[in-house]
């Protein structure tokens, strides 16, 4: 069955870094656009970054541009989110999403907390 398993979240101080990973299985990973979303308590889920399936075009939310980098390894069926210069407002649960036309899958998320 389809699985998206996020990892790498945790507690980090402001200005620190984390690298999130999302391991995929059960579908043709290389054919899907992969995205990271986040949802903070009381807020709507928002797109953080996305990367297309073959050309690897990337797109970022304005709030993370220049600090976060999305990448993928199609040989490992994994997408990454490198997060640098973290701020308290980056605190949220981060979700991985796979999309291909009308077909999509979500992971369960990993918690990122930025606090001193």
PDB file of N, CA and C in Angstrom:
ATOM      1  N   UNK A   1       0.832  -1.184   0.000  1.00  0.00           N
ATOM      2  CA  UNK A   1       0.000   0.000   0.000  1.00  0.00           C
ATOM      3  C   UNK A   1       0.877   1.248   0.000  1.00  0.00           C
ATOM      4  N   UNK A   2       0.256   2.379  -0.287  1.00  0.00           N
ATOM      5  CA  UNK A   2       0.985   3.638  -0.344  1.00  0.00           C
ATOM      6  C   UNK A   2       1.385   4.074   1.061  1.00  0.00           C
ATOM      7  N   UNK A   3       2.653   4.467   1.178  1.00  0.00           N
ATOM      8  CA  UNK A   3       3.144   5.012   2.441  1.00  0.00           C
ATOM      9  C   UNK A   3       4.039   6.204   2.183  1.00  0.00           C
ATOM     10  N   UNK A   4       3.842   7.236   2.980  1.00  0.00           N
ATOM     11  CA  UNK A   4       4.746   8.375   3.046  1.00  0.00           C
ATOM     12  C   UNK A   4       5.108   8.535   4.510  1.00  0.00           C
ATOM     13  N   UNK A   5       6.379   8.372   4.814  1.00  0.00           N
ATOM     14  CA  UNK A   5       6.816   8.386   6.212  1.00  0.00           C
ATOM     15  C   UNK A   5       7.820   9.508   6.404  1.00  0.00           C
ATOM     16  N   UNK A   6       7.394  10.518   7.150  1.00  0.00           N
ATOM     17  CA  UNK A   6       8.260  11.652   7.441  1.00  0.00           C
ATOM     18  C   UNK A   6       9.113  11.382   8.673  1.00  0.00           C
ATOM     19  N   UNK A   7      10.295  11.973   8.684  1.00  0.00           N
ATOM     20  CA  UNK A   7      11.184  11.874   9.831  1.00  0.00           C
ATOM     21  C   UNK A   7      12.084  13.100   9.862  1.00  0.00           C
ATOM     22  N   UNK A   8      12.773  13.276  10.993  1.00  0.00           N
ATOM     23  CA  UNK A   8      13.743  14.361  11.110  1.00  0.00           C
ATOM     24  C   UNK A   8      13.278  15.560  11.901  1.00  0.00           C
ATOM     25  N   UNK A   9      12.038  15.549  12.329  1.00  0.00           N
ATOM     26  CA  UNK A   9      11.548  16.664  13.133  1.00  0.00           C
ATOM     27  C   UNK A   9      12.116  16.634  14.535  1.00  0.00           C
ATOM     28  N   UNK A  10      11.844  17.705  15.278  1.00  0.00           N
ATOM     29  CA  UNK A  10      12.324  17.759  16.656  1.00  0.00           C
ATOM     30  C   UNK A  10      12.307  19.167  17.186  1.00  0.00           C
ATOM     31  N   UNK A  11      12.994  19.338  18.309  1.00  0.00           N
ATOM     32  CA  UNK A  11      13.101  20.634  18.957  1.00  0.00           C
ATOM     33  C   UNK A  11      14.452  21.251  18.596  1.00  0.00           C
ATOM     34  N   UNK A  12      14.424  22.498  18.145  1.00  0.00           N
ATOM     35  CA  UNK A  12      15.654  23.179  17.756  1.00  0.00           C
ATOM     36  C   UNK A  12      15.574  24.628  18.202  1.00  0.00           C
ATOM     37  N   UNK A  13      16.714  25.211  18.503  1.00  0.00           N
ATOM     38  CA  UNK A  13      16.750  26.610  18.911  1.00  0.00           C
ATOM     39  C   UNK A  13      16.633  27.529  17.703  1.00  0.00           C
ATOM     40  N   UNK A  14      16.144  28.729  17.907  1.00  0.00           N
ATOM     41  CA  UNK A  14      16.112  29.699  16.803  1.00  0.00           C
ATOM     42  C   UNK A  14      17.500  29.864  16.184  1.00  0.00           C
ATOM     43  N   UNK A  15      17.506  29.910  14.854  1.00  0.00           N
ATOM     44  CA  UNK A  15      18.753  29.989  14.119  1.00  0.00           C
ATOM     45  C   UNK A  15      19.344  28.644  13.763  1.00  0.00           C
ATOM     46  N   UNK A  16      18.780  27.581  14.302  1.00  0.00           N
ATOM     47  CA  UNK A  16      19.278  26.245  14.040  1.00  0.00           C
ATOM     48  C   UNK A  16      18.771  25.662  12.737  1.00  0.00           C
ATOM     49  N   UNK A  17      19.152  24.411  12.508  1.00  0.00           N
ATOM     50  CA  UNK A  17      18.801  23.721  11.268  1.00  0.00           C
ATOM     51  C   UNK A  17      18.230  22.341  11.559  1.00  0.00           C
ATOM     52  N   UNK A  18      17.395  21.900  10.641  1.00  0.00           N
ATOM     53  CA  UNK A  18      16.874  20.530  10.645  1.00  0.00           C
ATOM     54  C   UNK A  18      16.753  20.070   9.212  1.00  0.00           C
ATOM     55  N   UNK A  19      16.849  18.765   9.031  1.00  0.00           N
ATOM     56  CA  UNK A  19      16.621  18.179   7.717  1.00  0.00           C
ATOM     57  C   UNK A  19      15.526  17.146   7.840  1.00  0.00           C
ATOM     58  N   UNK A  20      14.415  17.418   7.164  1.00  0.00           N
ATOM     59  CA  UNK A  20      13.307  16.474   7.138  1.00  0.00           C
ATOM     60  C   UNK A  20      13.458  15.530   5.952  1.00  0.00           C
ATOM     61  N   UNK A  21      13.011  14.297   6.162  1.00  0.00           N
ATOM     62  CA  UNK A  21      12.990  13.304   5.085  1.00  0.00           C
ATOM     63  C   UNK A  21      11.592  12.724   4.972  1.00  0.00           C
ATOM     64  N   UNK A  22      11.240  12.334   3.773  1.00  0.00           N
ATOM     65  CA  UNK A  22       9.958  11.658   3.532  1.00  0.00           C
ATOM     66  C   UNK A  22      10.240  10.475   2.623  1.00  0.00           C
ATOM     67  N   UNK A  23      10.112   9.290   3.173  1.00  0.00           N
ATOM     68  CA  UNK A  23      10.353   8.064   2.426  1.00  0.00           C
ATOM     69  C   UNK A  23       9.029   7.550   1.863  1.00  0.00           C
ATOM     70  N   UNK A  24       9.015   7.308   0.555  1.00  0.00           N
ATOM     71  CA  UNK A  24       7.788   6.915  -0.126  1.00  0.00           C
ATOM     72  C   UNK A  24       7.849   5.472  -0.589  1.00  0.00           C
ATOM     73  N   UNK A  25       6.691   4.825  -0.626  1.00  0.00           N
ATOM     74  CA  UNK A  25       6.595   3.472  -1.165  1.00  0.00           C
ATOM     75  C   UNK A  25       5.163   3.225  -1.624  1.00  0.00           C
ATOM     76  N   UNK A  26       5.007   2.245  -2.519  1.00  0.00           N
ATOM     77  CA  UNK A  26       3.678   1.859  -2.958  1.00  0.00           C
ATOM     78  C   UNK A  26       3.151   2.589  -4.177  1.00  0.00           C
ATOM     79  N   UNK A  27       3.963   3.466  -4.756  1.00  0.00           N
ATOM     80  CA  UNK A  27       3.566   4.154  -5.986  1.00  0.00           C
ATOM     81  C   UNK A  27       4.837   4.548  -6.734  1.00  0.00           C
ATOM     82  N   UNK A  28       4.675   5.023  -7.970  1.00  0.00           N
ATOM     83  CA  UNK A  28       5.820   5.376  -8.796  1.00  0.00           C
ATOM     84  C   UNK A  28       6.291   6.776  -8.409  1.00  0.00           C
ATOM     85  N   UNK A  29       7.193   6.803  -7.457  1.00  0.00           N
ATOM     86  CA  UNK A  29       7.651   8.055  -6.856  1.00  0.00           C
ATOM     87  C   UNK A  29       8.125   9.062  -7.903  1.00  0.00           C
ATOM     88  N   UNK A  30       8.865   8.590  -8.887  1.00  0.00           N
ATOM     89  CA  UNK A  30       9.473   9.500  -9.864  1.00  0.00           C
ATOM     90  C   UNK A  30       8.443  10.213 -10.731  1.00  0.00           C
ATOM     91  N   UNK A  31       7.196   9.757 -10.720  1.00  0.00           N
ATOM     92  CA  UNK A  31       6.147  10.369 -11.537  1.00  0.00           C
ATOM     93  C   UNK A  31       5.338  11.422 -10.789  1.00  0.00           C
ATOM     94  N   UNK A  32       5.658  11.618  -9.528  1.00  0.00           N
ATOM     95  CA  UNK A  32       4.855  12.497  -8.683  1.00  0.00           C
ATOM     96  C   UNK A  32       5.612  13.760  -8.314  1.00  0.00           C
ATOM     97  N   UNK A  33       4.906  14.883  -8.349  1.00  0.00           N
ATOM     98  CA  UNK A  33       5.403  16.094  -7.705  1.00  0.00           C
ATOM     99  C   UNK A  33       5.341  15.887  -6.192  1.00  0.00           C
ATOM    100  N   UNK A  34       6.421  16.247  -5.525  1.00  0.00           N
ATOM    101  CA  UNK A  34       6.483  16.087  -4.079  1.00  0.00           C
ATOM    102  C   UNK A  34       6.483  17.457  -3.410  1.00  0.00           C
ATOM    103  N   UNK A  35       5.756  17.545  -2.320  1.00  0.00           N
ATOM    104  CA  UNK A  35       5.617  18.821  -1.632  1.00  0.00           C
ATOM    105  C   UNK A  35       5.744  18.626  -0.129  1.00  0.00           C
ATOM    106  N   UNK A  36       6.131  19.705   0.521  1.00  0.00           N
ATOM    107  CA  UNK A  36       6.083  19.796   1.981  1.00  0.00           C
ATOM    108  C   UNK A  36       5.063  20.872   2.342  1.00  0.00           C
ATOM    109  N   UNK A  37       4.186  20.522   3.254  1.00  0.00           N
ATOM    110  CA  UNK A  37       3.219  21.449   3.823  1.00  0.00           C
ATOM    111  C   UNK A  37       3.472  21.530   5.323  1.00  0.00           C
ATOM    112  N   UNK A  38       2.915  22.539   5.954  1.00  0.00           N
ATOM    113  CA  UNK A  38       2.991  22.612   7.403  1.00  0.00           C
ATOM    114  C   UNK A  38       1.685  23.169   7.961  1.00  0.00           C
ATOM    115  N   UNK A  39       1.414  22.812   9.185  1.00  0.00           N
ATOM    116  CA  UNK A  39       0.214  23.296   9.850  1.00  0.00           C
ATOM    117  C   UNK A  39       0.539  23.587  11.311  1.00  0.00           C
ATOM    118  N   UNK A  40       0.368  24.835  11.681  1.00  0.00           N
ATOM    119  CA  UNK A  40       0.553  25.254  13.057  1.00  0.00           C
ATOM    120  C   UNK A  40      -0.793  25.203  13.773  1.00  0.00           C
ATOM    121  N   UNK A  41      -0.799  25.080  15.093  1.00  0.00           N
ATOM    122  CA  UNK A  41      -2.063  25.023  15.838  1.00  0.00           C
ATOM    123  C   UNK A  41      -2.935  26.236  15.542  1.00  0.00           C
ATOM    124  N   UNK A  42      -4.197  25.971  15.200  1.00  0.00           N
ATOM    125  CA  UNK A  42      -5.137  27.041  14.931  1.00  0.00           C
ATOM    126  C   UNK A  42      -5.016  27.685  13.575  1.00  0.00           C
ATOM    127  N   UNK A  43      -4.122  27.153  12.751  1.00  0.00           N
ATOM    128  CA  UNK A  43      -3.926  27.726  11.419  1.00  0.00           C
ATOM    129  C   UNK A  43      -4.199  26.685  10.347  1.00  0.00           C
ATOM    130  N   UNK A  44      -4.421  27.178   9.127  1.00  0.00           N
ATOM    131  CA  UNK A  44      -4.640  26.273   8.007  1.00  0.00           C
ATOM    132  C   UNK A  44      -3.313  25.661   7.545  1.00  0.00           C
ATOM    133  N   UNK A  45      -3.422  24.492   6.927  1.00  0.00           N
ATOM    134  CA  UNK A  45      -2.242  23.881   6.350  1.00  0.00           C
ATOM    135  C   UNK A  45      -1.778  24.724   5.157  1.00  0.00           C
ATOM    136  N   UNK A  46      -0.478  24.947   5.076  1.00  0.00           N
ATOM    137  CA  UNK A  46       0.050  25.779   4.003  1.00  0.00           C
ATOM    138  C   UNK A  46       1.197  25.089   3.284  1.00  0.00           C
ATOM    139  N   UNK A  47       1.320  25.407   1.999  1.00  0.00           N
ATOM    140  CA  UNK A  47       2.411  24.868   1.192  1.00  0.00           C
ATOM    141  C   UNK A  47       3.722  25.544   1.591  1.00  0.00           C
ATOM    142  N   UNK A  48       4.735  24.733   1.826  1.00  0.00           N
ATOM    143  CA  UNK A  48       6.065  25.246   2.153  1.00  0.00           C
ATOM    144  C   UNK A  48       6.966  25.217   0.925  1.00  0.00           C
ATOM    145  N   UNK A  49       7.012  24.068   0.251  1.00  0.00           N
ATOM    146  CA  UNK A  49       7.892  23.920  -0.906  1.00  0.00           C
ATOM    147  C   UNK A  49       7.419  22.732  -1.724  1.00  0.00           C
ATOM    148  N   UNK A  50       7.721  22.768  -3.016  1.00  0.00           N
ATOM    149  CA  UNK A  50       7.389  21.643  -3.880  1.00  0.00           C
ATOM    150  C   UNK A  50       8.490  21.454  -4.917  1.00  0.00           C
ATOM    151  N   UNK A  51       8.566  20.229  -5.449  1.00  0.00           N
ATOM    152  CA  UNK A  51       9.561  19.891  -6.469  1.00  0.00           C
ATOM    153  C   UNK A  51       8.914  18.951  -7.468  1.00  0.00           C
ATOM    154  N   UNK A  52       9.064  19.255  -8.744  1.00  0.00           N
ATOM    155  CA  UNK A  52       8.394  18.463  -9.766  1.00  0.00           C
ATOM    156  C   UNK A  52       9.085  17.129  -9.982  1.00  0.00           C
ATOM    157  N   UNK A  53       8.429  16.283 -10.784  1.00  0.00           N
ATOM    158  CA  UNK A  53       8.846  14.897 -10.860  1.00  0.00           C
ATOM    159  C   UNK A  53      10.127  14.683 -11.653  1.00  0.00           C
ATOM    160  N   UNK A  54      10.263  15.318 -12.802  1.00  0.00           N
ATOM    161  CA  UNK A  54      11.406  15.021 -13.656  1.00  0.00           C
ATOM    162  C   UNK A  54      12.373  16.181 -13.820  1.00  0.00           C
ATOM    163  N   UNK A  55      11.832  17.378 -14.067  1.00  0.00           N
ATOM    164  CA  UNK A  55      12.693  18.532 -14.287  1.00  0.00           C
ATOM    165  C   UNK A  55      13.229  19.079 -12.975  1.00  0.00           C
ATOM    166  N   UNK A  56      12.595  18.682 -11.877  1.00  0.00           N
ATOM    167  CA  UNK A  56      12.990  19.108 -10.534  1.00  0.00           C
ATOM    168  C   UNK A  56      12.846  20.621 -10.355  1.00  0.00           C
ATOM    169  N   UNK A  57      11.849  21.198 -11.008  1.00  0.00           N
ATOM    170  CA  UNK A  57      11.543  22.604 -10.733  1.00  0.00           C
ATOM    171  C   UNK A  57      11.069  22.728  -9.289  1.00  0.00           C
ATOM    172  N   UNK A  58      11.505  23.785  -8.621  1.00  0.00           N
ATOM    173  CA  UNK A  58      11.139  23.985  -7.221  1.00  0.00           C
ATOM    174  C   UNK A  58      10.325  25.264  -7.034  1.00  0.00           C
ATOM    175  N   UNK A  59       9.538  25.257  -5.980  1.00  0.00           N
ATOM    176  CA  UNK A  59       8.699  26.403  -5.640  1.00  0.00           C
ATOM    177  C   UNK A  59       8.670  26.517  -4.124  1.00  0.00           C
ATOM    178  N   UNK A  60       8.746  27.759  -3.622  1.00  0.00           N
ATOM    179  CA  UNK A  60       8.807  27.970  -2.181  1.00  0.00           C
ATOM    180  C   UNK A  60       7.803  29.025  -1.732  1.00  0.00           C
ATOM    181  N   UNK A  61       7.305  28.855  -0.538  1.00  0.00           N
ATOM    182  CA  UNK A  61       6.528  29.921   0.092  1.00  0.00           C
ATOM    183  C   UNK A  61       7.460  31.096   0.364  1.00  0.00           C
ATOM    184  N   UNK A  62       6.912  32.298   0.264  1.00  0.00           N
ATOM    185  CA  UNK A  62       7.744  33.481   0.453  1.00  0.00           C
ATOM    186  C   UNK A  62       8.416  33.475   1.825  1.00  0.00           C
ATOM    187  N   UNK A  63       7.733  32.955   2.823  1.00  0.00           N
ATOM    188  CA  UNK A  63       8.236  33.006   4.198  1.00  0.00           C
ATOM    189  C   UNK A  63       9.461  32.128   4.424  1.00  0.00           C
ATOM    190  N   UNK A  64       9.712  31.175   3.525  1.00  0.00           N
ATOM    191  CA  UNK A  64      10.847  30.266   3.728  1.00  0.00           C
ATOM    192  C   UNK A  64      11.905  30.400   2.643  1.00  0.00           C
ATOM    193  N   UNK A  65      11.628  31.197   1.638  1.00  0.00           N
ATOM    194  CA  UNK A  65      12.549  31.325   0.512  1.00  0.00           C
ATOM    195  C   UNK A  65      13.914  31.834   0.997  1.00  0.00           C
ATOM    196  N   UNK A  66      14.968  31.155   0.567  1.00  0.00           N
ATOM    197  CA  UNK A  66      16.315  31.517   0.977  1.00  0.00           C
ATOM    198  C   UNK A  66      16.774  30.821   2.247  1.00  0.00           C
ATOM    199  N   UNK A  67      15.842  30.196   2.967  1.00  0.00           N
ATOM    200  CA  UNK A  67      16.196  29.472   4.204  1.00  0.00           C
ATOM    201  C   UNK A  67      15.988  27.962   4.063  1.00  0.00           C
ATOM    202  N   UNK A  68      14.972  27.562   3.302  1.00  0.00           N
ATOM    203  CA  UNK A  68      14.649  26.151   3.134  1.00  0.00           C
ATOM    204  C   UNK A  68      15.020  25.704   1.723  1.00  0.00           C
ATOM    205  N   UNK A  69      15.407  24.439   1.599  1.00  0.00           N
ATOM    206  CA  UNK A  69      15.715  23.856   0.297  1.00  0.00           C
ATOM    207  C   UNK A  69      15.059  22.493   0.194  1.00  0.00           C
ATOM    208  N   UNK A  70      14.264  22.310  -0.849  1.00  0.00           N
ATOM    209  CA  UNK A  70      13.649  21.009  -1.102  1.00  0.00           C
ATOM    210  C   UNK A  70      14.478  20.278  -2.149  1.00  0.00           C
ATOM    211  N   UNK A  71      14.618  18.974  -1.975  1.00  0.00           N
ATOM    212  CA  UNK A  71      15.340  18.148  -2.947  1.00  0.00           C
ATOM    213  C   UNK A  71      14.728  16.752  -2.938  1.00  0.00           C
ATOM    214  N   UNK A  72      15.078  15.976  -3.940  1.00  0.00           N
ATOM    215  CA  UNK A  72      14.559  14.614  -4.012  1.00  0.00           C
ATOM    216  C   UNK A  72      15.609  13.688  -4.591  1.00  0.00           C
ATOM    217  N   UNK A  73      15.498  12.429  -4.201  1.00  0.00           N
ATOM    218  CA  UNK A  73      16.358  11.379  -4.732  1.00  0.00           C
ATOM    219  C   UNK A  73      15.420  10.294  -5.251  1.00  0.00           C
ATOM    220  N   UNK A  74      15.228  10.268  -6.557  1.00  0.00           N
ATOM    221  CA  UNK A  74      14.283   9.300  -7.124  1.00  0.00           C
ATOM    222  C   UNK A  74      14.771   7.864  -6.984  1.00  0.00           C
ATOM    223  N   UNK A  75      16.072   7.678  -6.872  1.00  0.00           N
ATOM    224  CA  UNK A  75      16.615   6.325  -6.680  1.00  0.00           C
ATOM    225  C   UNK A  75      16.287   5.790  -5.287  1.00  0.00           C
ATOM    226  N   UNK A  76      16.122   6.704  -4.331  1.00  0.00           N
ATOM    227  CA  UNK A  76      15.814   6.301  -2.952  1.00  0.00           C
ATOM    228  C   UNK A  76      14.355   6.535  -2.590  1.00  0.00           C
ATOM    229  N   UNK A  77      13.566   7.043  -3.556  1.00  0.00           N
ATOM    230  CA  UNK A  77      12.149   7.334  -3.290  1.00  0.00           C
ATOM    231  C   UNK A  77      11.976   8.226  -2.068  1.00  0.00           C
ATOM    232  N   UNK A  78      12.808   9.251  -2.003  1.00  0.00           N
ATOM    233  CA  UNK A  78      12.819  10.107  -0.816  1.00  0.00           C
ATOM    234  C   UNK A  78      12.876  11.576  -1.227  1.00  0.00           C
ATOM    235  N   UNK A  79      12.140  12.393  -0.503  1.00  0.00           N
ATOM    236  CA  UNK A  79      12.196  13.836  -0.668  1.00  0.00           C
ATOM    237  C   UNK A  79      12.673  14.434   0.651  1.00  0.00           C
ATOM    238  N   UNK A  80      13.428  15.513   0.535  1.00  0.00           N
ATOM    239  CA  UNK A  80      14.035  16.138   1.705  1.00  0.00           C
ATOM    240  C   UNK A  80      13.620  17.605   1.806  1.00  0.00           C
ATOM    241  N   UNK A  81      13.700  18.115   3.018  1.00  0.00           N
ATOM    242  CA  UNK A  81      13.533  19.546   3.233  1.00  0.00           C
ATOM    243  C   UNK A  81      14.626  19.983   4.211  1.00  0.00           C
ATOM    244  N   UNK A  82      15.607  20.695   3.683  1.00  0.00           N
ATOM    245  CA  UNK A  82      16.661  21.255   4.517  1.00  0.00           C
ATOM    246  C   UNK A  82      16.178  22.611   5.022  1.00  0.00           C
ATOM    247  N   UNK A  83      16.130  22.759   6.320  1.00  0.00           N
ATOM    248  CA  UNK A  83      15.616  23.983   6.930  1.00  0.00           C
ATOM    249  C   UNK A  83      16.717  24.653   7.733  1.00  0.00           C
ATOM    250  N   UNK A  84      17.117  25.832   7.312  1.00  0.00           N
ATOM    251  CA  UNK A  84      18.162  26.597   7.989  1.00  0.00           C
ATOM    252  C   UNK A  84      17.580  27.885   8.558  1.00  0.00           C
ATOM    253  N   UNK A  85      18.327  28.499   9.451  1.00  0.00           N
ATOM    254  CA  UNK A  85      17.920  29.772  10.062  1.00  0.00           C
ATOM    255  C   UNK A  85      16.477  29.701  10.565  1.00  0.00           C
ATOM    256  N   UNK A  86      16.191  28.662  11.291  1.00  0.00           N
ATOM    257  CA  UNK A  86      14.818  28.438  11.748  1.00  0.00           C
ATOM    258  C   UNK A  86      14.370  29.508  12.720  1.00  0.00           C
ATOM    259  N   UNK A  87      13.088  29.834  12.630  1.00  0.00           N
ATOM    260  CA  UNK A  87      12.468  30.859  13.455  1.00  0.00           C
ATOM    261  C   UNK A  87      11.329  30.242  14.269  1.00  0.00           C
ATOM    262  N   UNK A  88      10.954  30.847  15.369  1.00  0.00           N
ATOM    263  CA  UNK A  88       9.822  30.308  16.149  1.00  0.00           C
ATOM    264  C   UNK A  88       8.548  30.162  15.313  1.00  0.00           C
ATOM    265  N   UNK A  89       8.361  31.039  14.357  1.00  0.00           N
ATOM    266  CA  UNK A  89       7.163  30.959  13.517  1.00  0.00           C
ATOM    267  C   UNK A  89       7.197  29.791  12.540  1.00  0.00           C
ATOM    268  N   UNK A  90       8.316  29.077  12.461  1.00  0.00           N
ATOM    269  CA  UNK A  90       8.378  27.856  11.648  1.00  0.00           C
ATOM    270  C   UNK A  90       7.839  26.653  12.421  1.00  0.00           C
ATOM    271  N   UNK A  91       7.520  26.840  13.685  1.00  0.00           N
ATOM    272  CA  UNK A  91       6.973  25.751  14.488  1.00  0.00           C
ATOM    273  C   UNK A  91       5.652  25.276  13.906  1.00  0.00           C
ATOM    274  N   UNK A  92       5.577  23.986  13.609  1.00  0.00           N
ATOM    275  CA  UNK A  92       4.387  23.409  12.984  1.00  0.00           C
ATOM    276  C   UNK A  92       4.598  21.908  12.828  1.00  0.00           C
ATOM    277  N   UNK A  93       3.542  21.253  12.421  1.00  0.00           N
ATOM    278  CA  UNK A  93       3.672  19.867  11.993  1.00  0.00           C
ATOM    279  C   UNK A  93       3.878  19.899  10.477  1.00  0.00           C
ATOM    280  N   UNK A  94       4.906  19.227  10.012  1.00  0.00           N
ATOM    281  CA  UNK A  94       5.281  19.242   8.601  1.00  0.00           C
ATOM    282  C   UNK A  94       4.843  17.936   7.942  1.00  0.00           C
ATOM    283  N   UNK A  95       4.165  18.095   6.817  1.00  0.00           N
ATOM    284  CA  UNK A  95       3.593  16.965   6.095  1.00  0.00           C
ATOM    285  C   UNK A  95       4.194  16.857   4.696  1.00  0.00           C
ATOM    286  N   UNK A  96       4.368  15.646   4.254  1.00  0.00           N
ATOM    287  CA  UNK A  96       4.813  15.341   2.913  1.00  0.00           C
ATOM    288  C   UNK A  96       3.576  14.992   2.079  1.00  0.00           C
ATOM    289  N   UNK A  97       3.558  15.458   0.823  1.00  0.00           N
ATOM    290  CA  UNK A  97       2.438  15.159  -0.061  1.00  0.00           C
ATOM    291  C   UNK A  97       2.979  14.770  -1.430  1.00  0.00           C
ATOM    292  N   UNK A  98       2.391  13.734  -2.002  1.00  0.00           N
ATOM    293  CA  UNK A  98       2.713  13.294  -3.359  1.00  0.00           C
ATOM    294  C   UNK A  98       1.511  13.583  -4.251  1.00  0.00           C
ATOM    295  N   UNK A  99       1.748  14.209  -5.397  1.00  0.00           N
ATOM    296  CA  UNK A  99       0.657  14.605  -6.293  1.00  0.00           C
ATOM    297  C   UNK A  99       0.982  14.239  -7.731  1.00  0.00           C
ATOM    298  N   UNK A 100      -0.005  13.648  -8.405  1.00  0.00           N
ATOM    299  CA  UNK A 100       0.110  13.404  -9.836  1.00  0.00           C
ATOM    300  C   UNK A 100      -1.284  13.555 -10.433  1.00  0.00           C
ATOM    301  N   UNK A 101      -1.513  14.647 -11.156  1.00  0.00           N
ATOM    302  CA  UNK A 101      -2.835  14.979 -11.688  1.00  0.00           C
ATOM    303  C   UNK A 101      -3.847  14.994 -10.546  1.00  0.00           C
ATOM    304  N   UNK A 102      -4.897  14.167 -10.603  1.00  0.00           N
ATOM    305  CA  UNK A 102      -5.920  14.176  -9.551  1.00  0.00           C
ATOM    306  C   UNK A 102      -5.601  13.209  -8.414  1.00  0.00           C
ATOM    307  N   UNK A 103      -4.483  12.532  -8.493  1.00  0.00           N
ATOM    308  CA  UNK A 103      -4.097  11.522  -7.519  1.00  0.00           C
ATOM    309  C   UNK A 103      -3.159  12.155  -6.492  1.00  0.00           C
ATOM    310  N   UNK A 104      -3.401  11.940  -5.217  1.00  0.00           N
ATOM    311  CA  UNK A 104      -2.499  12.495  -4.209  1.00  0.00           C
ATOM    312  C   UNK A 104      -2.513  11.631  -2.956  1.00  0.00           C
ATOM    313  N   UNK A 105      -1.390  11.734  -2.205  1.00  0.00           N
ATOM    314  CA  UNK A 105      -1.228  11.011  -0.953  1.00  0.00           C
ATOM    315  C   UNK A 105      -0.576  11.944   0.063  1.00  0.00           C
ATOM    316  N   UNK A 106      -0.928  11.731   1.329  1.00  0.00           N
ATOM    317  CA  UNK A 106      -0.356  12.496   2.438  1.00  0.00           C
ATOM    318  C   UNK A 106       0.361  11.575   3.403  1.00  0.00           C
ATOM    319  N   UNK A 107       1.405  12.098   4.011  1.00  0.00           N
ATOM    320  CA  UNK A 107       2.027  11.418   5.125  1.00  0.00           C
ATOM    321  C   UNK A 107       1.366  11.843   6.430  1.00  0.00           C
ATOM    322  N   UNK A 108       1.859  11.267   7.540  1.00  0.00           N
ATOM    323  CA  UNK A 108       1.284  11.555   8.852  1.00  0.00           C
ATOM    324  C   UNK A 108       1.904  12.775   9.513  1.00  0.00           C
ATOM    325  N   UNK A 109       3.027  13.217   9.007  1.00  0.00           N
ATOM    326  CA  UNK A 109       3.631  14.430   9.526  1.00  0.00           C
ATOM    327  C   UNK A 109       4.712  14.184  10.565  1.00  0.00           C
ATOM    328  N   UNK A 110       5.543  15.215  10.738  1.00  0.00           N
ATOM    329  CA  UNK A 110       6.571  15.211  11.770  1.00  0.00           C
ATOM    330  C   UNK A 110       6.590  16.603  12.403  1.00  0.00           C
ATOM    331  N   UNK A 111       6.717  16.636  13.721  1.00  0.00           N
ATOM    332  CA  UNK A 111       6.619  17.895  14.446  1.00  0.00           C
ATOM    333  C   UNK A 111       7.960  18.617  14.467  1.00  0.00           C
ATOM    334  N   UNK A 112       7.926  19.897  14.150  1.00  0.00           N
ATOM    335  CA  UNK A 112       9.091  20.768  14.269  1.00  0.00           C
ATOM    336  C   UNK A 112       8.751  21.880  15.253  1.00  0.00           C
ATOM    337  N   UNK A 113       9.566  22.006  16.276  1.00  0.00           N
ATOM    338  CA  UNK A 113       9.376  23.043  17.276  1.00  0.00           C
ATOM    339  C   UNK A 113      10.644  23.873  17.374  1.00  0.00           C
ATOM    340  N   UNK A 114      10.489  25.176  17.170  1.00  0.00           N
ATOM    341  CA  UNK A 114      11.629  26.098  17.231  1.00  0.00           C
ATOM    342  C   UNK A 114      11.440  26.972  18.464  1.00  0.00           C
ATOM    343  N   UNK A 115      12.287  26.754  19.445  1.00  0.00           N
ATOM    344  CA  UNK A 115      12.133  27.459  20.719  1.00  0.00           C
ATOM    345  C   UNK A 115      13.442  27.453  21.475  1.00  0.00           C
ATOM    346  N   UNK A 116      13.660  28.515  22.232  1.00  0.00           N
ATOM    347  CA  UNK A 116      14.846  28.579  23.081  1.00  0.00           C
ATOM    348  C   UNK A 116      14.519  28.068  24.483  1.00  0.00           C
TER     349      UNK A 116
END
